[in-house]
Amino acid sequence: MKKVYFLFPIILAVVGALALIGGELDDSPGLGGIGLILIGISCYFNFKICSKNNR
């Protein structure tokens, strides 16, 4: 069950990276911003999960 928690930030970061790349290819600043926000959220979840496991 613990492996599922690590899978969510990875998938979120990949989707964010694809949105960021797609936004740059299409010259869409909104899609690039959403991709950047998704990458930031995935970093936050990854830090939160790792800090919970170290306790």
C-alpha atoms as a PDB file:
ATOM      1  CA  MET A   1       0.000   0.000   0.000  1.00  0.00           C
ATOM      2  CA  LYS A   2       2.918   2.377   0.653  1.00  0.00           C
ATOM      3  CA  LYS A   3       4.071   2.113  -2.958  1.00  0.00           C
ATOM      4  CA  VAL A   4       0.821   3.637  -4.153  1.00  0.00           C
ATOM      5  CA  TYR A   5       1.578   6.843  -2.244  1.00  0.00           C
ATOM      6  CA  PHE A   6       4.886   7.229  -4.079  1.00  0.00           C
ATOM      7  CA  LEU A   7       3.227   6.687  -7.453  1.00  0.00           C
ATOM      8  CA  PHE A   8       0.891   9.706  -7.239  1.00  0.00           C
ATOM      9  CA  PRO A   9       3.582  12.449  -7.173  1.00  0.00           C
ATOM     10  CA  ILE A  10       5.462  10.754 -10.015  1.00  0.00           C
ATOM     11  CA  ILE A  11       2.367  10.640 -12.223  1.00  0.00           C
ATOM     12  CA  LEU A  12       1.510  14.221 -11.275  1.00  0.00           C
ATOM     13  CA  ALA A  13       5.023  15.406 -12.196  1.00  0.00           C
ATOM     14  CA  VAL A  14       4.909  13.614 -15.554  1.00  0.00           C
ATOM     15  CA  VAL A  15       1.514  15.119 -16.404  1.00  0.00           C
ATOM     16  CA  GLY A  16       2.802  18.536 -15.325  1.00  0.00           C
ATOM     17  CA  ALA A  17       5.902  18.199 -17.491  1.00  0.00           C
ATOM     18  CA  LEU A  18       3.809  17.187 -20.485  1.00  0.00           C
ATOM     19  CA  ALA A  19       1.486  20.136 -19.907  1.00  0.00           C
ATOM     20  CA  LEU A  20       4.479  22.465 -19.630  1.00  0.00           C
ATOM     21  CA  ILE A  21       5.959  21.162 -22.886  1.00  0.00           C
ATOM     22  CA  GLY A  22       2.577  21.255 -24.614  1.00  0.00           C
ATOM     23  CA  GLY A  23       2.029  24.816 -23.468  1.00  0.00           C
ATOM     24  CA  GLU A  24       5.380  25.873 -24.884  1.00  0.00           C
ATOM     25  CA  LEU A  25       4.730  24.163 -28.226  1.00  0.00           C
ATOM     26  CA  ASP A  26       1.296  25.749 -28.556  1.00  0.00           C
ATOM     27  CA  ASP A  27       2.385  29.173 -27.199  1.00  0.00           C
ATOM     28  CA  SER A  28      -0.245  28.833 -24.501  1.00  0.00           C
ATOM     29  CA  PRO A  29       0.885  30.502 -21.273  1.00  0.00           C
ATOM     30  CA  GLY A  30      -2.080  29.094 -19.338  1.00  0.00           C
ATOM     31  CA  LEU A  31      -1.226  25.478 -20.053  1.00  0.00           C
ATOM     32  CA  GLY A  32       2.432  26.101 -19.212  1.00  0.00           C
ATOM     33  CA  GLY A  33       1.379  27.688 -15.919  1.00  0.00           C
ATOM     34  CA  ILE A  34      -0.862  24.754 -15.063  1.00  0.00           C
ATOM     35  CA  GLY A  35       2.030  22.398 -15.798  1.00  0.00           C
ATOM     36  CA  LEU A  36       4.312  24.385 -13.527  1.00  0.00           C
ATOM     37  CA  ILE A  37       1.713  24.352 -10.743  1.00  0.00           C
ATOM     38  CA  LEU A  38       1.287  20.573 -11.091  1.00  0.00           C
ATOM     39  CA  ILE A  39       5.043  20.061 -10.827  1.00  0.00           C
ATOM     40  CA  GLY A  40       5.122  22.226  -7.690  1.00  0.00           C
ATOM     41  CA  ILE A  41       2.242  20.289  -6.134  1.00  0.00           C
ATOM     42  CA  SER A  42       3.984  17.002  -6.867  1.00  0.00           C
ATOM     43  CA  CYS A  43       7.160  18.278  -5.168  1.00  0.00           C
ATOM     44  CA  TYR A  44       5.091  19.258  -2.126  1.00  0.00           C
ATOM     45  CA  PHE A  45       3.412  15.828  -1.938  1.00  0.00           C
ATOM     46  CA  ASN A  46       6.758  14.080  -2.362  1.00  0.00           C
ATOM     47  CA  PHE A  47       8.304  16.118   0.472  1.00  0.00           C
ATOM     48  CA  LYS A  48       5.270  15.475   2.674  1.00  0.00           C
ATOM     49  CA  ILE A  49       5.349  11.711   2.041  1.00  0.00           C
ATOM     50  CA  CYS A  50       9.109  11.464   2.615  1.00  0.00           C
ATOM     51  CA  SER A  51       9.008  13.472   5.823  1.00  0.00           C
ATOM     52  CA  LYS A  52       6.171  11.328   7.160  1.00  0.00           C
ATOM     53  CA  ASN A  53       8.154   8.145   6.479  1.00  0.00           C
ATOM     54  CA  ASN A  54      11.253   9.456   8.290  1.00  0.00           C
ATOM     55  CA  ARG A  55       9.432   9.896  11.603  1.00  0.00           C
END
